[in-house]
Protein backbone atom coordinates (compact mmCIF):
# COMPACT_ATOMS: atom_id res chain seq x y z
CA UNK A 1 -23.21 -6.93 5.68
CA UNK A 2 -19.86 -6.32 4.27
CA UNK A 3 -19.36 -3.47 1.80
CA UNK A 4 -17.81 -4.42 -1.54
CA UNK A 5 -14.09 -3.53 -1.87
CA UNK A 6 -11.95 -2.77 -5.16
CA UNK A 7 -8.23 -2.71 -5.24
CA UNK A 8 -6.74 -0.81 -8.15
CA UNK A 9 -2.90 -0.47 -8.82
CA UNK A 10 0.49 -1.96 -9.67
CA UNK A 11 0.64 -5.80 -9.96
CA UNK A 12 4.12 -6.92 -10.61
CA UNK A 13 6.97 -9.08 -9.55
CA UNK A 14 9.11 -8.17 -6.43
CA UNK A 15 12.76 -9.21 -5.90
CA UNK A 16 14.09 -8.64 -2.39
CA UNK A 17 17.71 -8.40 -1.81
CA UNK A 18 19.19 -8.16 1.87
CA UNK A 19 21.49 -7.13 3.27
CA UNK A 20 22.73 -4.81 0.59
CA UNK A 21 25.17 -2.31 2.10
CA UNK A 22 27.02 -1.28 -1.12
CA UNK A 23 26.91 -2.04 -4.84
CA UNK A 24 29.27 -4.62 -6.19
CA UNK A 25 32.59 -3.26 -7.78
CA UNK A 26 32.47 -3.48 -11.72
CA UNK A 27 32.94 -7.14 -12.51
CA UNK A 28 32.39 -8.16 -8.94
CA UNK A 29 30.04 -10.57 -7.27
CA UNK A 30 29.06 -9.82 -3.70
CA UNK A 31 27.34 -12.53 -1.68
CA UNK A 32 24.56 -11.49 0.42
CA UNK A 33 22.34 -13.28 2.96
CA UNK A 34 19.04 -13.55 1.13
CA UNK A 35 17.35 -12.89 -2.11
CA UNK A 36 13.45 -13.62 -2.26
CA UNK A 37 11.40 -13.46 -5.27
CA UNK A 38 7.54 -12.99 -4.86
CA UNK A 39 4.33 -11.53 -6.06
CA UNK A 40 2.84 -9.02 -6.43
CA UNK A 41 3.45 -5.26 -6.15
CA UNK A 42 1.64 -2.94 -3.85
CA UNK A 43 -1.81 -3.78 -5.16
CA UNK A 44 -1.09 -7.44 -5.31
CA UNK A 45 0.41 -7.41 -1.85
CA UNK A 46 -2.78 -5.81 -0.40
CA UNK A 47 -4.97 -8.29 -2.37
CA UNK A 48 -2.93 -11.33 -1.04
CA UNK A 49 -3.12 -10.13 2.41
CA UNK A 50 -6.81 -9.59 2.34
CA UNK A 51 -7.25 -13.03 0.76
CA UNK A 52 -5.43 -14.55 3.72
CA UNK A 53 -7.74 -12.62 5.98
CA UNK A 54 -10.85 -13.93 4.43
CA UNK A 55 -11.96 -10.57 2.82
CA UNK A 56 -13.87 -10.75 -0.42
CA UNK A 57 -12.61 -8.18 -2.93
CA UNK A 58 -11.76 -7.43 -6.56
CA UNK A 59 -8.20 -6.62 -7.83
CA UNK A 60 -7.74 -4.50 -10.88
CA UNK A 61 -4.20 -4.45 -12.55
CA UNK A 62 -2.11 -5.71 -15.34
CA UNK A 63 0.91 -7.90 -16.14
CA UNK A 64 2.54 -9.11 -19.25
CA UNK A 65 2.47 -12.63 -20.62
CA UNK A 66 6.12 -13.17 -19.90
CA UNK A 67 7.35 -15.80 -17.30
CA UNK A 68 7.25 -13.23 -14.49
CA UNK A 69 3.65 -12.33 -15.55
CA UNK A 70 2.59 -15.95 -15.78
CA UNK A 71 3.86 -16.75 -12.29
CA UNK A 72 2.41 -13.80 -10.71
CA UNK A 73 -0.92 -14.39 -12.32
CA UNK A 74 -0.81 -18.07 -11.12
CA UNK A 75 -0.12 -16.89 -7.56
CA UNK A 76 -3.00 -14.43 -7.64
CA UNK A 77 -5.33 -17.19 -9.23
CA UNK A 78 -4.31 -19.62 -6.58
CA UNK A 79 -5.53 -17.01 -4.10
CA UNK A 80 -8.76 -16.41 -5.98
CA UNK A 81 -8.14 -12.80 -6.75
CA UNK A 82 -6.98 -12.90 -10.45
CA UNK A 83 -10.48 -12.62 -12.06
CA UNK A 84 -10.11 -8.98 -13.08
CA UNK A 85 -6.37 -9.30 -13.73
CA UNK A 86 -5.40 -8.19 -17.44
CA UNK A 87 -2.69 -10.11 -19.08
CA UNK A 88 -1.10 -8.37 -22.12
CA UNK A 89 0.37 -10.37 -24.90
CA UNK A 90 3.86 -9.64 -26.08
CA UNK A 91 4.45 -7.29 -22.94
CA UNK A 92 6.79 -7.46 -19.95
CA UNK A 93 5.64 -7.61 -16.42
CA UNK A 94 6.84 -4.80 -14.07
CA UNK A 95 9.49 -5.67 -11.80
CA UNK A 96 10.82 -3.90 -8.65
CA UNK A 97 14.22 -4.96 -6.90
CA UNK A 98 14.26 -3.93 -3.29
CA UNK A 99 17.65 -3.34 -1.71
CA UNK A 100 17.44 -3.82 2.14
CA UNK A 101 20.01 -3.30 4.84
CA UNK A 102 19.61 -2.87 8.59
CA UNK A 103 19.56 0.68 9.83
CA UNK A 104 18.42 2.42 6.74
CA UNK A 105 15.50 2.88 4.40
CA UNK A 106 14.83 0.40 1.65
CA UNK A 107 15.92 1.52 -1.88
CA UNK A 108 14.27 0.28 -5.03
CA UNK A 109 15.17 -0.27 -8.75
CA UNK A 110 11.99 -0.64 -10.89
CA UNK A 111 11.08 -1.36 -14.51
CA UNK A 112 7.51 -0.57 -15.14
CA UNK A 113 7.12 -3.02 -18.19
CA UNK A 114 3.41 -3.06 -19.07
CA UNK A 115 2.44 -0.62 -16.37
CA UNK A 116 4.23 2.18 -18.30
CA UNK A 117 1.19 2.19 -20.77
CA UNK A 118 -1.53 1.07 -18.44
CA UNK A 119 -4.08 4.11 -18.20
CA UNK A 120 -7.65 4.93 -17.67
CA UNK A 121 -8.91 3.18 -20.83
CA UNK A 122 -7.68 -0.18 -19.45
CA UNK A 123 -9.80 0.11 -16.31
CA UNK A 124 -13.43 -0.90 -16.60
CA UNK A 125 -15.99 1.57 -15.47
CA UNK A 126 -17.05 -0.81 -12.73
CA UNK A 127 -13.56 -0.48 -11.07
CA UNK A 128 -14.75 2.69 -9.23
CA UNK A 129 -18.09 1.34 -8.20
CA UNK A 130 -17.70 -0.24 -4.80
CA UNK A 131 -18.24 0.48 -1.19
CA UNK A 132 -14.57 1.09 -0.74
CA UNK A 133 -12.05 1.81 -3.45
CA UNK A 134 -8.21 1.67 -2.85
CA UNK A 135 -5.83 3.21 -5.36
CA UNK A 136 -2.31 2.06 -4.51
CA UNK A 137 1.25 2.09 -6.09
CA UNK A 138 0.47 5.44 -7.81
CA UNK A 139 4.00 6.32 -8.87
CA UNK A 140 4.38 2.87 -10.40
CA UNK A 141 1.50 3.70 -12.77
CA UNK A 142 2.69 6.33 -15.10
CA UNK A 143 -0.29 6.05 -17.35
CA UNK A 144 -2.73 6.94 -14.46
CA UNK A 145 -0.85 9.71 -12.93
CA UNK A 146 -2.40 13.13 -12.46
CA UNK A 147 -5.92 13.86 -13.75
CA UNK A 148 -6.57 10.32 -14.45
CA UNK A 149 -6.29 8.99 -10.81
CA UNK A 150 -7.84 12.35 -9.51
CA UNK A 151 -10.86 11.73 -11.83
CA UNK A 152 -11.00 8.11 -10.70
CA UNK A 153 -11.06 9.11 -6.98
CA UNK A 154 -13.51 11.88 -7.69
CA UNK A 155 -15.94 9.47 -9.52
CA UNK A 156 -15.64 6.91 -6.74
CA UNK A 157 -16.51 9.26 -4.06
CA UNK A 158 -19.53 10.71 -6.09
CA UNK A 159 -20.84 7.04 -6.45
CA UNK A 160 -20.70 6.72 -2.59
CA UNK A 161 -17.24 4.94 -2.13
CA UNK A 162 -14.93 5.30 0.59
CA UNK A 163 -11.63 6.29 -1.09
CA UNK A 164 -8.21 5.13 0.06
CA UNK A 165 -5.13 6.46 -1.60
CA UNK A 166 -1.40 5.15 -1.11
CA UNK A 167 1.19 6.76 -3.50
CA UNK A 168 4.52 5.13 -2.72
CA UNK A 169 7.76 7.03 -3.38
CA UNK A 170 8.09 9.47 -6.21
CA UNK A 171 10.97 8.15 -8.39
CA UNK A 172 12.07 11.77 -9.11
CA UNK A 173 12.41 12.22 -5.26
CA UNK A 174 9.82 14.93 -5.21
CA UNK A 175 11.95 17.28 -7.21
CA UNK A 176 9.32 17.99 -9.86
CA UNK A 177 5.57 18.74 -9.51
CA UNK A 178 4.87 15.46 -7.48
CA UNK A 179 3.90 17.36 -4.29
CA UNK A 180 1.36 19.53 -5.79
CA UNK A 181 0.22 16.63 -8.05
CA UNK A 182 -0.51 14.54 -4.84
CA UNK A 183 -2.09 17.50 -2.91
CA UNK A 184 -4.60 18.00 -5.67
CA UNK A 185 -5.87 14.44 -5.18
CA UNK A 186 -6.45 14.81 -1.35
CA UNK A 187 -9.89 16.57 -1.54
CA UNK A 188 -11.23 13.31 -2.94
CA UNK A 189 -9.50 10.94 -0.60
CA UNK A 190 -11.20 9.58 2.76
CA UNK A 191 -8.10 7.76 3.85
CA UNK A 192 -4.53 8.82 2.87
CA UNK A 193 -1.63 6.47 3.62
CA UNK A 194 1.74 8.01 3.39
CA UNK A 195 4.68 6.58 5.06
CA UNK A 196 6.85 8.79 7.25
CA UNK A 197 9.36 9.57 4.52
CA UNK A 198 6.57 10.39 2.04
CA UNK A 199 4.75 12.61 4.71
CA UNK A 200 7.99 14.59 5.32
CA UNK A 201 8.52 15.01 1.47
CA UNK A 202 4.88 16.20 1.11
CA UNK A 203 5.01 18.69 3.99
CA UNK A 204 8.65 19.42 5.04
CA UNK A 205 7.56 18.56 8.63
CA UNK A 206 9.96 16.12 10.34
CA UNK A 207 7.45 15.33 13.13
CA UNK A 208 4.96 12.86 11.77
CA UNK A 209 2.01 14.33 13.87
CA UNK A 210 2.69 17.74 12.55
CA UNK A 211 2.92 16.24 8.92
CA UNK A 212 -0.35 14.40 9.50
CA UNK A 213 -2.04 17.70 10.55
CA UNK A 214 -0.73 19.70 7.63
CA UNK A 215 -1.73 17.02 5.10
CA UNK A 216 -5.23 17.00 6.90
CA UNK A 217 -5.57 20.65 5.74
CA UNK A 218 -5.96 19.19 2.20
CA UNK A 219 -7.29 15.76 2.75
CA UNK A 220 -11.17 15.11 2.72
CA UNK A 221 -10.77 12.41 5.40
CA UNK A 222 -8.08 10.70 7.59
CA UNK A 223 -4.43 11.00 7.07
CA UNK A 224 -2.61 7.85 8.36
CA UNK A 225 1.29 8.25 8.52
CA UNK A 226 2.93 4.77 8.65
CA UNK A 227 5.92 4.78 10.92
CA UNK A 228 7.30 1.40 10.33
CA UNK A 229 8.41 -0.40 13.68
CA UNK A 230 6.82 2.47 15.54
CA UNK A 231 3.28 1.79 14.21
CA UNK A 232 1.19 4.76 12.82
CA UNK A 233 -0.18 8.14 13.77
CA UNK A 234 -3.39 9.32 12.23
CA UNK A 235 -5.28 12.51 12.10
CA UNK A 236 -9.16 12.51 11.86
CA UNK A 237 -11.16 15.00 9.73
CA UNK A 238 -12.08 16.73 12.95
CA UNK A 239 -8.36 17.16 14.00
CA UNK A 240 -8.23 14.43 16.56
CA UNK A 241 -4.95 12.34 16.58
CA UNK A 242 -4.85 8.53 17.19
CA UNK A 243 -1.49 6.63 17.60
CA UNK A 244 -1.01 2.95 17.54
CA UNK A 245 2.33 1.47 18.57
CA UNK A 246 3.61 -1.58 16.79
CA UNK A 247 4.20 -4.81 19.14
CA UNK A 248 7.78 -5.84 19.38
CA UNK A 249 8.77 -8.44 16.63
CA UNK A 250 11.92 -9.82 15.14
CA UNK A 251 11.70 -8.41 11.60
CA UNK A 252 12.63 -10.88 8.78
CA UNK A 253 11.25 -8.90 5.64
CA UNK A 254 9.74 -5.43 5.85
CA UNK A 255 9.02 -4.84 2.17
CA UNK A 256 5.39 -4.57 1.74
CA UNK A 257 4.67 -3.99 5.42
CA UNK A 258 2.71 -0.75 4.43
CA UNK A 259 0.55 -2.84 2.12
CA UNK A 260 -0.19 -5.28 4.77
CA UNK A 261 -1.26 -2.49 7.01
CA UNK A 262 -3.62 -1.20 4.44
CA UNK A 263 -5.20 -4.74 4.05
CA UNK A 264 -5.68 -4.97 7.85
CA UNK A 265 -7.48 -1.67 7.96
CA UNK A 266 -9.68 -2.53 5.00
CA UNK A 267 -10.39 -5.82 6.64
CA UNK A 268 -12.17 -3.78 9.36
CA UNK A 269 -13.53 -1.00 7.25
CA UNK A 270 -15.46 -3.37 4.79
CA UNK A 271 -17.53 -4.24 7.87
CA UNK A 272 -18.05 -0.64 9.04
CA UNK A 273 -15.66 -0.80 11.95
CA UNK A 274 -14.44 2.56 13.42
CA UNK A 275 -11.03 3.97 12.46
CA UNK A 276 -9.41 3.39 15.75
CA UNK A 277 -10.20 -0.44 15.28
CA UNK A 278 -9.10 -0.30 11.60
CA UNK A 279 -5.73 1.17 12.70
CA UNK A 280 -5.15 -1.41 15.51
CA UNK A 281 -5.73 -4.39 13.15
CA UNK A 282 -3.63 -2.68 10.32
CA UNK A 283 -0.67 -2.43 12.73
CA UNK A 284 -1.33 -6.13 13.89
CA UNK A 285 -1.16 -7.34 10.39
CA UNK A 286 1.78 -5.37 9.37
CA UNK A 287 3.69 -6.57 12.46
CA UNK A 288 2.71 -10.13 11.88
CA UNK A 289 3.89 -9.97 8.24
CA UNK A 290 7.36 -8.53 8.93
CA UNK A 291 8.19 -11.31 11.03
CA UNK A 292 7.29 -14.19 8.47
CA UNK A 293 9.16 -15.69 5.65
CA UNK A 294 8.06 -15.16 2.09
CA UNK A 295 6.91 -18.54 1.64
CA UNK A 296 4.15 -18.12 4.23
CA UNK A 297 3.96 -14.35 4.15
CA UNK A 298 0.29 -13.49 4.91
CA UNK A 299 -1.41 -14.40 8.14
CA UNK A 300 -5.13 -15.61 8.70
CA UNK A 301 -6.92 -13.34 11.27
CA UNK A 302 -6.22 -15.92 14.15
CA UNK A 303 -2.60 -15.74 13.67
CA UNK A 304 -2.22 -11.95 14.25
CA UNK A 305 0.14 -10.65 16.82
CA UNK A 306 -1.87 -8.97 19.70
CA UNK A 307 -1.48 -5.50 20.72
CA UNK A 308 -0.83 -4.29 24.50
CA UNK A 309 -3.40 -1.81 25.94
CA UNK A 310 -0.78 0.91 26.16
CA UNK A 311 -0.21 0.53 22.30
CA UNK A 312 -3.10 2.62 21.66
CA UNK A 313 -3.43 6.37 22.20
CA UNK A 314 -6.13 8.78 20.97
CA UNK A 315 -7.05 12.45 21.70
CA UNK A 316 -10.75 11.85 20.96
CA UNK A 317 -13.51 9.47 20.48
CA UNK A 318 -13.28 6.86 17.72
CA UNK A 319 -15.08 7.89 14.48
CA UNK A 320 -17.01 6.18 11.71
CA UNK A 321 -16.17 6.73 8.10
CA UNK A 322 -18.35 6.31 5.03
């Protein structure tokens, strides 16, 4: 029997601009290849990918009642995942603009909108009561930073949930207390999902395996470092390492790949699969998503790109969690 799954985090509008190799000169107008507009922030991305995979879940987040918010809410409603979405009258929806270019990391411009004030009082108590609880887009939720999220993760674990945590990038570039802030969360986290840049920022280790090992000293469970086109490397609570290489794919749009990877993992964990299986499916979902256009972004399970036998490496046996 599948376990219940709750996704908590930033729901917003995403604008993707590619390729952006420079900002226009003052008064100028640079022509680029593509601008795409789509729902729905880190939490919304995970939820839409889960819906396409046929995974029942609940999404907790907030938008304003402006044009952006109405469109995002409609898209989530069409996917059957808007029942717990809060719409605030007279408020603006959060918007992120992703600037993409070949050969470099994406960069973002973000206006939090209603998310600037979204805090623990906006979350119903039942949000933390599920078999699996994902908190994602942490740095896009200023009102839930620090003790609020730490208490949320602690309560969820105490109530028997498997907790999954994805921070995103610190808008202050990790210059303040963000490192210690995140590390204080990890004793209440069963699966931590930093990307490679975030893992480096949190540890100072440039080797992702060393970063995973160091973060594992703080984390209660698995540390999964997302490596983009190179797949993932993960450390188990027992110190074993698992690596999954991504299959080759011509990337069209990489923004949200990490959210798709999380959705793929969750689609296995809800049914009690081991982490090696979950990691493999996560990589398959993310690899499939980055090769698709925004209009048909999220694949059904039978559309996933297969892995090759040599794409998986592990230093020990697969492990169950939860």
